[in-house]
């Protein structure tokens, strides 16, 4: 069972698949994932495992966090997250290496998007903007935001200037292109949130597109078989029709004689 991985975004490159097609990929380093704590339904009310990634100086941690690392018998970690589970895991070692994912698997990658500071509505909400000619004095402004005396207020969720980026973002259904066990890195198709060097969380795809693809392929196969069967039946009917007409015409000829 794939639990998940914590990793660090190294950057982007491109690789060729078996068919010779070039794919842009994101390189994620996922070494040093260690188990910190097991959470169970009996003791905590839910099942999960707490995982740590990347070294941290002990002087930068609180005594409570440092005590947790010492209890687990591992060095201090900088990035700590929990992975929820449906059932309690049995005692024993847990696979927290990149080998829990294989090429062709689909994953969801969660990260923190790049912060872009305070931005206007054209950049933040993709507004079209106003007149670009010299006569217009409001090229990139919001424009009217109010309403009439009823309701006499500004509607909620109105697109306004404000802070953009620096949010938790999850990109779903990215395909694993390569898993390099010796280097402890995983290559994922497409882009993932965050700047180079930022931390990411890799989980098995929630929507399971591999199963959906297989289901669509099975349906397409059934449709093809049904169409072929209908074509054969139509051909057989076309062959039987001249024979039936011939049998009907024979009694008429005998009567004429």
Protein backbone atom coordinates (compact mmCIF):
# COMPACT_ATOMS: atom_id res chain seq x y z
CA UNK A 1 0.00 0.00 0.00
CA UNK A 2 1.33 3.45 -0.92
CA UNK A 3 1.23 5.75 2.10
CA UNK A 4 2.83 8.84 0.61
CA UNK A 5 6.09 10.75 0.55
CA UNK A 6 7.49 14.08 1.63
CA UNK A 7 9.93 15.62 -0.82
CA UNK A 8 11.70 18.69 -2.08
CA UNK A 9 11.22 20.19 -5.52
CA UNK A 10 14.58 20.18 -7.34
CA UNK A 11 13.47 21.65 -10.66
CA UNK A 12 12.16 20.67 -14.08
CA UNK A 13 13.62 18.80 -17.03
CA UNK A 14 12.32 16.53 -19.79
CA UNK A 15 12.59 12.79 -20.46
CA UNK A 16 11.62 10.41 -23.27
CA UNK A 17 9.15 7.59 -22.71
CA UNK A 18 9.30 4.10 -24.26
CA UNK A 19 7.50 5.36 -27.38
CA UNK A 20 10.08 8.12 -27.91
CA UNK A 21 7.76 10.93 -26.85
CA UNK A 22 9.27 13.83 -24.91
CA UNK A 23 7.61 14.70 -21.58
CA UNK A 24 8.28 17.71 -19.30
CA UNK A 25 8.80 16.43 -15.75
CA UNK A 26 9.41 17.79 -12.26
CA UNK A 27 12.26 16.23 -10.28
CA UNK A 28 11.43 15.62 -6.60
CA UNK A 29 14.01 14.44 -4.06
CA UNK A 30 12.32 12.15 -1.53
CA UNK A 31 15.14 10.67 0.55
CA UNK A 32 15.33 10.60 4.37
CA UNK A 33 11.60 10.04 4.95
CA UNK A 34 11.43 8.62 8.49
CA UNK A 35 8.56 7.39 10.64
CA UNK A 36 8.04 9.57 13.71
CA UNK A 37 4.80 8.30 15.18
CA UNK A 38 1.92 5.89 14.66
CA UNK A 39 -1.57 7.15 15.45
CA UNK A 40 -4.35 4.62 16.04
CA UNK A 41 -8.14 4.69 16.43
CA UNK A 42 -7.83 3.40 19.97
CA UNK A 43 -5.40 6.04 21.23
CA UNK A 44 -5.98 9.03 18.93
CA UNK A 45 -9.41 8.54 17.38
CA UNK A 46 -8.06 8.15 13.83
CA UNK A 47 -5.42 6.17 11.95
CA UNK A 48 -2.36 7.92 10.56
CA UNK A 49 1.41 7.92 10.44
CA UNK A 50 3.57 10.96 11.14
CA UNK A 51 6.52 11.33 8.78
CA UNK A 52 9.52 13.67 8.92
CA UNK A 53 11.78 14.93 6.14
CA UNK A 54 15.00 16.98 5.86
CA UNK A 55 17.38 17.78 8.69
CA UNK A 56 16.92 20.66 11.09
CA UNK A 57 19.17 22.21 13.74
CA UNK A 58 18.06 21.29 17.25
CA UNK A 59 18.57 24.89 18.36
CA UNK A 60 15.71 25.96 16.07
CA UNK A 61 13.14 23.63 17.62
CA UNK A 62 10.96 23.93 20.69
CA UNK A 63 11.51 21.51 23.56
CA UNK A 64 8.20 19.81 22.82
CA UNK A 65 9.13 19.07 19.20
CA UNK A 66 12.65 18.04 20.17
CA UNK A 67 11.23 15.62 22.73
CA UNK A 68 9.05 14.04 20.05
CA UNK A 69 12.06 13.42 17.79
CA UNK A 70 14.09 11.95 20.66
CA UNK A 71 11.20 9.65 21.58
CA UNK A 72 11.10 8.39 17.99
CA UNK A 73 14.87 7.88 18.08
CA UNK A 74 15.59 10.01 15.01
CA UNK A 75 17.39 13.26 14.34
CA UNK A 76 15.45 16.51 14.19
CA UNK A 77 13.41 17.04 11.02
CA UNK A 78 12.34 20.26 9.36
CA UNK A 79 9.22 19.15 7.46
CA UNK A 80 6.71 17.04 9.40
CA UNK A 81 3.31 15.91 8.11
CA UNK A 82 0.71 13.21 8.78
CA UNK A 83 -0.72 10.74 6.27
CA UNK A 84 -4.25 9.61 7.13
CA UNK A 85 -5.08 5.91 6.78
CA UNK A 86 -8.36 4.01 6.61
CA UNK A 87 -7.18 1.33 9.09
CA UNK A 88 -4.40 0.99 11.64
CA UNK A 89 -1.16 -0.29 10.17
CA UNK A 90 0.23 -3.50 11.68
CA UNK A 91 3.45 -3.30 13.63
CA UNK A 92 6.64 -3.55 11.60
CA UNK A 93 8.60 -1.52 9.10
CA UNK A 94 6.83 0.85 6.74
CA UNK A 95 8.05 1.48 3.21
CA UNK A 96 8.84 5.21 3.05
CA UNK A 97 11.16 5.07 0.04
CA UNK A 98 10.45 6.13 -3.54
CA UNK A 99 9.85 2.46 -4.47
CA UNK A 100 6.30 2.63 -3.10
CA UNK A 101 5.48 4.35 -6.41
CA UNK A 102 6.13 2.84 -9.82
CA UNK A 103 6.33 4.37 -13.32
CA UNK A 104 2.82 4.72 -14.68
CA UNK A 105 1.20 5.38 -11.29
CA UNK A 106 -0.88 8.53 -10.84
CA UNK A 107 -0.25 10.83 -7.87
CA UNK A 108 -1.53 14.04 -6.31
CA UNK A 109 1.17 16.57 -5.39
CA UNK A 110 0.54 19.24 -2.76
CA UNK A 111 2.76 22.27 -2.30
CA UNK A 112 2.76 25.98 -1.51
CA UNK A 113 2.43 28.19 -4.55
CA UNK A 114 4.82 31.05 -5.26
CA UNK A 115 3.90 34.28 -3.49
CA UNK A 116 3.37 37.22 -5.85
CA UNK A 117 2.59 39.97 -3.35
CA UNK A 118 -0.23 42.52 -3.65
CA UNK A 119 -1.67 42.42 -7.16
CA UNK A 120 -4.44 44.15 -9.09
CA UNK A 121 -7.55 42.56 -10.51
CA UNK A 122 -6.15 42.02 -14.01
CA UNK A 123 -3.36 39.79 -12.74
CA UNK A 124 -5.21 38.32 -9.76
CA UNK A 125 -8.60 37.59 -11.38
CA UNK A 126 -7.86 37.84 -15.11
CA UNK A 127 -10.10 40.89 -15.56
CA UNK A 128 -10.22 42.24 -19.10
CA UNK A 129 -9.39 45.79 -18.06
CA UNK A 130 -10.87 49.05 -19.31
CA UNK A 131 -10.15 51.33 -22.23
CA UNK A 132 -6.51 51.46 -23.33
CA UNK A 133 -6.76 54.77 -25.24
CA UNK A 134 -5.34 58.06 -23.94
CA UNK A 135 -8.80 59.33 -23.07
CA UNK A 136 -9.34 56.59 -20.49
CA UNK A 137 -7.96 57.29 -17.02
CA UNK A 138 -8.78 53.86 -15.57
CA UNK A 139 -6.86 51.35 -17.65
CA UNK A 140 -6.31 48.61 -15.04
CA UNK A 141 -8.69 49.61 -12.26
CA UNK A 142 -11.51 47.53 -10.83
CA UNK A 143 -14.38 49.69 -12.00
CA UNK A 144 -17.77 49.80 -10.30
CA UNK A 145 -18.09 47.37 -7.39
CA UNK A 146 -21.26 48.56 -5.64
CA UNK A 147 -24.95 48.09 -6.26
CA UNK A 148 -28.10 50.19 -6.09
CA UNK A 149 -29.79 51.18 -2.85
CA UNK A 150 -31.07 47.62 -2.74
CA UNK A 151 -29.13 45.78 -1.34
CA UNK A 152 -26.94 48.83 -0.75
CA UNK A 153 -23.78 46.85 -0.16
CA UNK A 154 -20.96 45.07 -1.99
CA UNK A 155 -21.58 41.42 -2.80
CA UNK A 156 -19.42 38.78 -1.17
CA UNK A 157 -16.55 37.28 -3.20
CA UNK A 158 -16.27 40.41 -5.33
CA UNK A 159 -13.05 40.35 -7.34
CA UNK A 160 -10.77 42.91 -5.70
CA UNK A 161 -7.05 43.67 -5.55
CA UNK A 162 -5.18 41.76 -2.86
CA UNK A 163 -2.53 39.21 -1.99
CA UNK A 164 -1.83 36.62 -4.69
CA UNK A 165 -0.15 33.25 -4.30
CA UNK A 166 1.52 31.67 -1.25
CA UNK A 167 -1.40 29.24 -0.91
CA UNK A 168 -1.65 25.50 -0.40
CA UNK A 169 -2.30 24.02 -3.87
CA UNK A 170 -2.84 20.41 -4.94
CA UNK A 171 -2.32 19.27 -8.52
CA UNK A 172 -4.12 16.01 -9.21
CA UNK A 173 -3.50 13.04 -11.49
CA UNK A 174 0.15 13.58 -12.37
CA UNK A 175 1.80 10.49 -13.82
CA UNK A 176 5.01 9.07 -12.41
CA UNK A 177 7.47 8.88 -15.31
CA UNK A 178 10.57 7.51 -13.57
CA UNK A 179 11.58 6.28 -10.11
CA UNK A 180 15.33 6.30 -9.45
CA UNK A 181 15.93 4.30 -6.29
CA UNK A 182 19.71 4.83 -6.16
CA UNK A 183 19.33 8.62 -6.28
CA UNK A 184 16.10 8.61 -4.21
CA UNK A 185 14.30 10.88 -6.66
CA UNK A 186 10.98 10.63 -8.45
CA UNK A 187 10.13 12.23 -11.81
CA UNK A 188 6.53 13.40 -12.15
CA UNK A 189 4.94 14.59 -15.40
CA UNK A 190 4.11 18.29 -15.61
CA UNK A 191 4.56 21.09 -13.10
CA UNK A 192 3.97 21.01 -9.34
CA UNK A 193 3.22 23.97 -7.06
CA UNK A 194 5.98 25.98 -5.43
CA UNK A 195 9.40 27.37 -6.11
CA UNK A 196 12.55 25.32 -6.57
CA UNK A 197 13.64 24.06 -3.16
CA UNK A 198 10.14 24.13 -1.64
CA UNK A 199 8.63 21.12 0.10
CA UNK A 200 5.86 18.99 -1.45
CA UNK A 201 3.63 16.09 -0.39
CA UNK A 202 3.12 13.17 -2.76
CA UNK A 203 0.08 10.92 -2.36
CA UNK A 204 -1.60 8.27 -4.50
CA UNK A 205 -4.19 9.87 -6.80
CA UNK A 206 -7.50 10.24 -4.98
CA UNK A 207 -9.58 9.97 -8.16
CA UNK A 208 -7.63 6.93 -9.42
CA UNK A 209 -7.51 7.82 -13.14
CA UNK A 210 -5.79 4.52 -13.98
CA UNK A 211 -8.97 2.63 -13.03
CA UNK A 212 -11.10 5.07 -15.03
CA UNK A 213 -8.88 4.70 -18.09
CA UNK A 214 -9.16 0.91 -17.83
CA UNK A 215 -12.95 1.23 -17.47
CA UNK A 216 -13.19 3.45 -20.56
CA UNK A 217 -11.05 0.99 -22.52
CA UNK A 218 -13.31 -1.89 -21.44
CA UNK A 219 -16.41 0.06 -22.49
CA UNK A 220 -14.83 0.91 -25.84
CA UNK A 221 -14.02 -2.78 -26.35
CA UNK A 222 -17.63 -3.76 -25.57
CA UNK A 223 -18.98 -1.10 -27.93
CA UNK A 224 -16.68 -2.33 -30.68
CA UNK A 225 -17.80 -5.94 -30.16
CA UNK A 226 -21.48 -4.90 -30.18
CA UNK A 227 -21.00 -2.91 -33.40
CA UNK A 228 -19.25 -5.87 -35.04
CA UNK A 229 -22.06 -8.22 -33.98
CA UNK A 230 -24.71 -5.87 -35.37
CA UNK A 231 -22.81 -5.65 -38.66
CA UNK A 232 -22.66 -9.46 -38.96
CA UNK A 233 -26.39 -9.78 -38.21
CA UNK A 234 -27.20 -7.11 -40.80
CA UNK A 235 -25.10 -8.95 -43.37
CA UNK A 236 -26.86 -12.26 -42.61
CA UNK A 237 -30.28 -10.62 -42.98
CA UNK A 238 -29.21 -9.15 -46.33
CA UNK A 239 -28.18 -12.62 -47.52
CA UNK A 240 -31.48 -14.21 -46.38
CA UNK A 241 -33.67 -11.61 -48.12
CA UNK A 242 -33.01 -12.74 -51.76
CA UNK A 243 -33.65 -16.38 -50.79
CA UNK A 244 -37.03 -15.49 -49.25
CA UNK A 245 -38.04 -13.49 -52.33
CA UNK A 246 -37.02 -16.40 -54.56
CA UNK A 247 -39.19 -18.84 -52.58
CA UNK A 248 -42.18 -16.52 -52.82
CA UNK A 249 -41.81 -16.13 -56.59
CA UNK A 250 -41.68 -19.92 -57.32
CA UNK A 251 -45.41 -20.65 -56.43
CA UNK A 252 -46.51 -17.67 -58.54
CA UNK A 253 -44.67 -19.02 -61.58
CA UNK A 254 -46.26 -22.49 -61.16
CA UNK A 255 -49.76 -20.97 -61.05
CA UNK A 256 -49.09 -19.06 -64.27
CA UNK A 257 -48.13 -22.29 -66.01
